[in-house]
Amino acid sequence: MGGHSHWAGIKHKKALTDAKKGKVYTKIIREITIAAKMSGGDPNTNPRLRKAIEDARSNNMPQDNIKRAIMKGTGQLPGVIFEEMTYEGFGPAKAAMLVEVTTDNKNRTFAEIRKVFESHGGNIGSAGCVAYMFAAKGVISVAKTAISEDDLMTAALDAGAEDIENAPDAPSYLVYTAYADLEKVRAALEAKKIPMESAELDMIPSTETLIKEVRQAEQILALVDALEEHDDVKNVYSNFDIPDELLAKLQTA
C-alpha cells in the first residue's frame, strides 16, 4: 500500500496547514448533523457522531455549535436537509477519483464539482466507473515513537485488525481494519493505553496510477485542493502515487 502512504501523508500535511477555519466548521457541522440524524444524538452509542464531535473539539469549535448541530440532526431544531452522495471520475494521468459530498442541492453540487474536474484536466464519470478500484477500510495511525512494531501488531491483531503497514520512510504505523471493525479496534488500543494519531474510515485503492511528470503532479494536487476547498466536499480519495523524488521537486519549485 505504498501509494496510499504517500496519499495519507499529503492529506495529513494539508489538514495540519489548513487555516480556513470557516470551511472546516461548515464541514464538521454537516457531519455532526447527518451522524445525529442517522443514528441518534448520543455519541456513546453513535461512533460516527463521537468522531465528528472529536473533530469539532480538536478544531476548537464552541460547544453551543456542536449542540445545535446535534439538535438539528435529531429534529429538535429546524434545519436544512442534507444528502450524502459520491461522485466518481478521473484526474490527470487517468488517476481514479472518489469524491464524497454532503449537499442540500444535488443538482447544483454536481454541476460545480463537474466544473472543478474539467478545470483541472479531469472529468466526472458514470456511477461505478472507479468505485470497484477502492475498498472501504478503517485506518488507525500510531506514531513509531510510541510503541514497537511487534507490540502494536500483537495488540492490533488481537483486537481484530487485518494488517499493519510499516513503511520505512513513514513516521507512523498504519493499522488496517475491516470497515465495520474500526471502532472496536480503536477502543481496544485505547484500553491498552496505546496513543493514536488518528482513526479514520478510508477508501484504499487496489491499484495505483504512477505520476511520472512534474506537470501531472501539479495538476492532480491542484485538483484535489480545489475539490477539498468546495464547501460540499467531505472527502477526496484517489489512487495516484507521486514518487518521493517528484514530491521533492514540487516542494523546491
Protein backbone atom coordinates (compact mmCIF):
# COMPACT_ATOMS: atom_id res chain seq x y z
CA MET A 1 0.00 0.00 0.00
CA GLY A 2 2.89 2.32 -0.70
CA GLY A 3 0.79 4.64 -2.83
CA HIS A 4 -1.71 5.02 -0.04
CA SER A 5 1.07 6.03 2.33
CA HIS A 6 2.07 8.89 0.04
CA TRP A 7 -1.56 9.98 -0.25
CA ALA A 8 -2.16 9.71 3.51
CA GLY A 9 0.91 11.85 4.12
CA ILE A 10 -0.32 14.51 1.72
CA LYS A 11 -3.74 14.60 3.36
CA HIS A 12 -2.23 14.73 6.85
CA LYS A 13 0.04 17.63 5.91
CA LYS A 14 -2.85 19.51 4.35
CA ALA A 15 -5.01 19.04 7.44
CA LEU A 16 -2.26 20.45 9.64
CA THR A 17 -1.77 23.52 7.47
CA ASP A 18 -5.41 24.28 6.66
CA ALA A 19 -6.13 27.64 8.27
CA LYS A 20 -9.55 28.20 6.73
CA LYS A 21 -11.49 27.56 9.92
CA GLY A 22 -14.81 28.70 8.49
CA LYS A 23 -14.82 25.95 5.89
CA VAL A 24 -13.68 23.40 8.44
CA TYR A 25 -16.55 24.37 10.75
CA THR A 26 -19.08 24.11 7.91
CA LYS A 27 -18.00 20.58 7.03
CA ILE A 28 -17.86 19.37 10.63
CA ILE A 29 -21.30 20.79 11.42
CA ARG A 30 -22.76 18.96 8.43
CA GLU A 31 -21.10 15.72 9.54
CA ILE A 32 -22.46 16.10 13.09
CA THR A 33 -25.96 16.81 11.77
CA ILE A 34 -26.00 13.81 9.43
CA ALA A 35 -24.50 11.46 12.02
CA ALA A 36 -27.14 12.51 14.57
CA LYS A 37 -29.91 12.14 12.00
CA MET A 38 -28.79 8.64 11.01
CA SER A 39 -28.06 7.08 14.41
CA GLY A 40 -29.25 9.43 17.15
CA GLY A 41 -27.76 12.20 19.22
CA ASP A 42 -25.91 10.13 21.85
CA PRO A 43 -22.18 9.91 20.99
CA ASN A 44 -21.81 6.95 23.38
CA THR A 45 -23.91 4.81 21.05
CA ASN A 46 -23.10 6.58 17.78
CA PRO A 47 -19.41 6.15 16.80
CA ARG A 48 -19.75 8.39 13.75
CA LEU A 49 -21.16 11.20 15.87
CA ARG A 50 -18.48 10.72 18.50
CA LYS A 51 -15.76 11.04 15.84
CA ALA A 52 -17.39 14.20 14.44
CA ILE A 53 -17.57 15.75 17.92
CA GLU A 54 -13.90 14.89 18.49
CA ASP A 55 -13.04 16.64 15.21
CA ALA A 56 -15.09 19.66 16.29
CA ARG A 57 -13.31 19.92 19.63
CA SER A 58 -9.86 19.47 18.08
CA ASN A 59 -10.71 22.48 15.89
CA ASN A 60 -11.86 24.50 18.92
CA MET A 61 -15.48 24.64 17.82
CA PRO A 62 -17.74 26.17 20.51
CA GLN A 63 -19.85 23.67 22.42
CA ASP A 64 -23.04 25.57 21.50
CA ASN A 65 -22.33 24.99 17.80
CA ILE A 66 -21.93 21.27 18.42
CA LYS A 67 -25.14 21.09 20.45
CA ARG A 68 -27.17 22.95 17.81
CA ALA A 69 -25.85 20.69 15.03
CA ILE A 70 -26.88 17.60 17.01
CA MET A 71 -30.34 19.02 17.70
CA LYS A 72 -30.82 19.82 14.01
CA GLY A 73 -29.91 16.24 13.17
CA THR A 74 -32.33 14.76 15.70
CA GLY A 75 -35.11 17.14 14.64
CA GLN A 76 -35.21 19.10 17.90
CA LEU A 77 -34.32 22.22 15.91
CA PRO A 78 -35.31 23.05 12.33
CA GLY A 79 -32.52 22.75 9.80
CA VAL A 80 -31.54 22.12 6.21
CA ILE A 81 -31.92 18.57 4.89
CA PHE A 82 -28.58 17.24 3.65
CA GLU A 83 -27.93 14.29 1.36
CA GLU A 84 -24.74 12.27 1.07
CA MET A 85 -23.51 11.42 -2.41
CA THR A 86 -20.34 10.08 -4.04
CA TYR A 87 -19.08 11.24 -7.42
CA GLU A 88 -16.60 9.19 -9.42
CA GLY A 89 -14.21 10.35 -12.08
CA PHE A 90 -10.69 10.65 -13.40
CA GLY A 91 -7.98 13.20 -12.79
CA PRO A 92 -4.84 13.94 -14.78
CA ALA A 93 -2.94 10.80 -15.88
CA LYS A 94 -6.29 8.97 -15.61
CA ALA A 95 -5.96 8.71 -11.84
CA ALA A 96 -9.16 7.33 -10.29
CA MET A 97 -11.04 9.77 -8.04
CA LEU A 98 -13.84 9.33 -5.49
CA VAL A 99 -15.44 12.49 -4.09
CA GLU A 100 -17.82 12.24 -1.13
CA VAL A 101 -20.15 15.21 -0.74
CA THR A 102 -22.82 16.44 1.65
CA THR A 103 -25.31 18.69 -0.09
CA ASP A 104 -28.70 20.36 0.21
CA ASN A 105 -28.92 20.75 -3.59
CA LYS A 106 -27.50 17.81 -5.53
CA ASN A 107 -28.04 19.37 -8.97
CA ARG A 108 -26.04 22.47 -8.03
CA THR A 109 -23.30 20.46 -6.35
CA PHE A 110 -22.95 18.08 -9.30
CA ALA A 111 -22.58 20.96 -11.74
CA GLU A 112 -19.99 22.67 -9.56
CA ILE A 113 -17.95 19.50 -8.95
CA ARG A 114 -18.01 18.67 -12.66
CA LYS A 115 -16.65 22.14 -13.40
CA VAL A 116 -13.83 21.66 -10.87
CA PHE A 117 -12.84 18.40 -12.56
CA GLU A 118 -12.92 19.89 -16.05
CA SER A 119 -10.96 22.98 -14.98
CA HIS A 120 -8.10 20.81 -13.72
CA GLY A 121 -7.67 18.29 -16.51
CA GLY A 122 -10.13 15.68 -15.25
CA ASN A 123 -13.69 14.54 -15.83
CA ILE A 124 -16.59 13.08 -13.87
CA GLY A 125 -17.55 9.57 -14.92
CA SER A 126 -20.62 7.42 -14.54
CA ALA A 127 -21.54 5.64 -11.31
CA GLY A 128 -19.34 2.61 -10.81
CA CYS A 129 -16.58 3.68 -13.18
CA VAL A 130 -13.89 3.68 -10.47
CA ALA A 131 -15.58 2.57 -7.24
CA TYR A 132 -14.55 -1.04 -7.87
CA MET A 133 -10.90 0.04 -7.54
CA PHE A 134 -11.36 1.00 -3.86
CA ALA A 135 -12.07 -0.96 -0.69
CA ALA A 136 -13.59 0.64 2.41
CA LYS A 137 -11.28 0.14 5.39
CA GLY A 138 -10.59 1.55 8.81
CA VAL A 139 -7.14 3.11 9.16
CA ILE A 140 -5.52 3.89 12.51
CA SER A 141 -2.27 5.86 12.64
CA VAL A 142 0.16 5.26 15.52
CA ALA A 143 3.48 7.11 15.87
CA LYS A 144 6.51 4.83 15.69
CA THR A 145 7.96 6.60 18.71
CA ALA A 146 5.01 5.44 20.83
CA ILE A 147 5.35 1.66 20.57
CA SER A 148 7.37 -1.10 18.92
CA GLU A 149 6.05 -2.74 15.77
CA ASP A 150 5.84 -6.16 17.46
CA ASP A 151 3.86 -4.84 20.42
CA LEU A 152 1.48 -2.91 18.19
CA MET A 153 1.00 -5.88 15.89
CA THR A 154 0.14 -8.15 18.80
CA ALA A 155 -2.33 -5.68 20.29
CA ALA A 156 -3.93 -4.78 16.96
CA LEU A 157 -4.32 -8.31 15.64
CA ASP A 158 -5.72 -9.47 18.99
CA ALA A 159 -8.29 -6.66 18.69
CA GLY A 160 -9.36 -7.80 15.22
CA ALA A 161 -7.21 -5.69 12.89
CA GLU A 162 -6.45 -7.05 9.43
CA ASP A 163 -2.94 -5.77 8.77
CA ILE A 164 -0.24 -3.30 9.81
CA GLU A 165 1.88 -1.23 7.44
CA ASN A 166 5.36 -0.11 8.44
CA ALA A 167 6.70 1.95 5.54
CA PRO A 168 10.42 2.62 6.07
CA ASP A 169 10.20 6.37 5.39
CA ALA A 170 6.94 6.97 7.29
CA PRO A 171 6.86 8.35 10.86
CA SER A 172 3.80 6.29 11.77
CA TYR A 173 2.46 2.75 11.57
CA LEU A 174 -0.87 2.29 9.79
CA VAL A 175 -3.26 -0.29 11.24
CA TYR A 176 -5.90 -1.51 8.79
CA THR A 177 -9.28 -2.88 9.90
CA ALA A 178 -12.46 -4.04 8.26
CA TYR A 179 -14.80 -1.09 7.71
CA ALA A 180 -17.17 -2.24 10.46
CA ASP A 181 -14.38 -3.04 12.94
CA LEU A 182 -12.68 0.36 13.18
CA GLU A 183 -14.40 1.42 16.41
CA LYS A 184 -13.82 -1.98 18.05
CA VAL A 185 -10.09 -1.94 17.27
CA ARG A 186 -9.74 1.73 18.23
CA ALA A 187 -11.40 1.11 21.59
CA ALA A 188 -9.18 -1.93 22.26
CA LEU A 189 -5.99 0.03 21.54
CA GLU A 190 -7.24 2.90 23.67
CA ALA A 191 -7.93 0.48 26.55
CA LYS A 192 -4.31 -0.67 26.31
CA LYS A 193 -3.14 2.96 26.55
CA ILE A 194 -1.71 2.94 23.03
CA PRO A 195 -1.74 6.57 21.79
CA MET A 196 -3.28 7.04 18.35
CA GLU A 197 -2.76 9.97 15.99
CA SER A 198 -5.97 9.30 14.08
CA ALA A 199 -8.64 6.67 13.47
CA GLU A 200 -10.49 7.15 10.18
CA LEU A 201 -12.65 5.34 7.69
CA ASP A 202 -10.84 5.40 4.36
CA MET A 203 -11.10 4.15 0.80
CA ILE A 204 -7.98 2.14 -0.08
CA PRO A 205 -7.12 1.73 -3.78
CA SER A 206 -6.38 -1.76 -5.08
CA THR A 207 -4.28 -0.40 -7.94
CA GLU A 208 -2.16 2.71 -8.27
CA THR A 209 -1.61 5.29 -11.01
CA LEU A 210 2.03 6.33 -11.07
CA ILE A 211 2.56 10.02 -11.69
CA LYS A 212 5.71 10.46 -13.77
CA GLU A 213 5.84 14.16 -14.62
CA VAL A 214 6.01 17.32 -12.51
CA ARG A 215 3.21 18.88 -14.54
CA GLN A 216 0.91 15.92 -13.87
CA ALA A 217 1.72 16.06 -10.17
CA GLU A 218 0.96 19.78 -10.04
CA GLN A 219 -2.33 19.27 -11.87
CA ILE A 220 -3.60 16.44 -9.71
CA LEU A 221 -2.66 18.14 -6.44
CA ALA A 222 -4.36 21.30 -7.67
CA LEU A 223 -7.47 19.26 -8.49
CA VAL A 224 -7.51 17.70 -5.01
CA ASP A 225 -7.04 21.13 -3.40
CA ALA A 226 -9.87 22.63 -5.46
CA LEU A 227 -12.22 19.78 -4.59
CA GLU A 228 -11.40 19.97 -0.88
CA GLU A 229 -11.97 23.73 -0.93
CA HIS A 230 -15.59 23.19 -2.01
CA ASP A 231 -17.96 23.57 0.94
CA ASP A 232 -19.96 20.46 -0.01
CA VAL A 233 -16.98 18.11 -0.30
CA LYS A 234 -16.39 15.86 2.67
CA ASN A 235 -13.62 13.54 1.43
CA VAL A 236 -11.49 13.09 -1.67
CA TYR A 237 -9.85 9.74 -2.43
CA SER A 238 -7.55 8.84 -5.29
CA ASN A 239 -5.20 6.08 -6.40
CA PHE A 240 -2.36 8.31 -7.63
CA ASP A 241 1.18 7.69 -6.41
CA ILE A 242 3.62 10.59 -6.58
CA PRO A 243 7.19 9.29 -6.06
CA ASP A 244 9.26 10.96 -3.34
CA GLU A 245 11.69 12.47 -5.81
CA LEU A 246 8.81 14.13 -7.70
CA LEU A 247 7.34 15.48 -4.47
CA ALA A 248 10.75 16.92 -3.61
CA LYS A 249 10.83 18.76 -6.94
CA LEU A 250 7.40 20.24 -6.23
CA GLN A 251 8.46 21.42 -2.79
CA THR A 252 11.53 23.19 -4.16
CA ALA A 253 9.77 24.66 -7.21
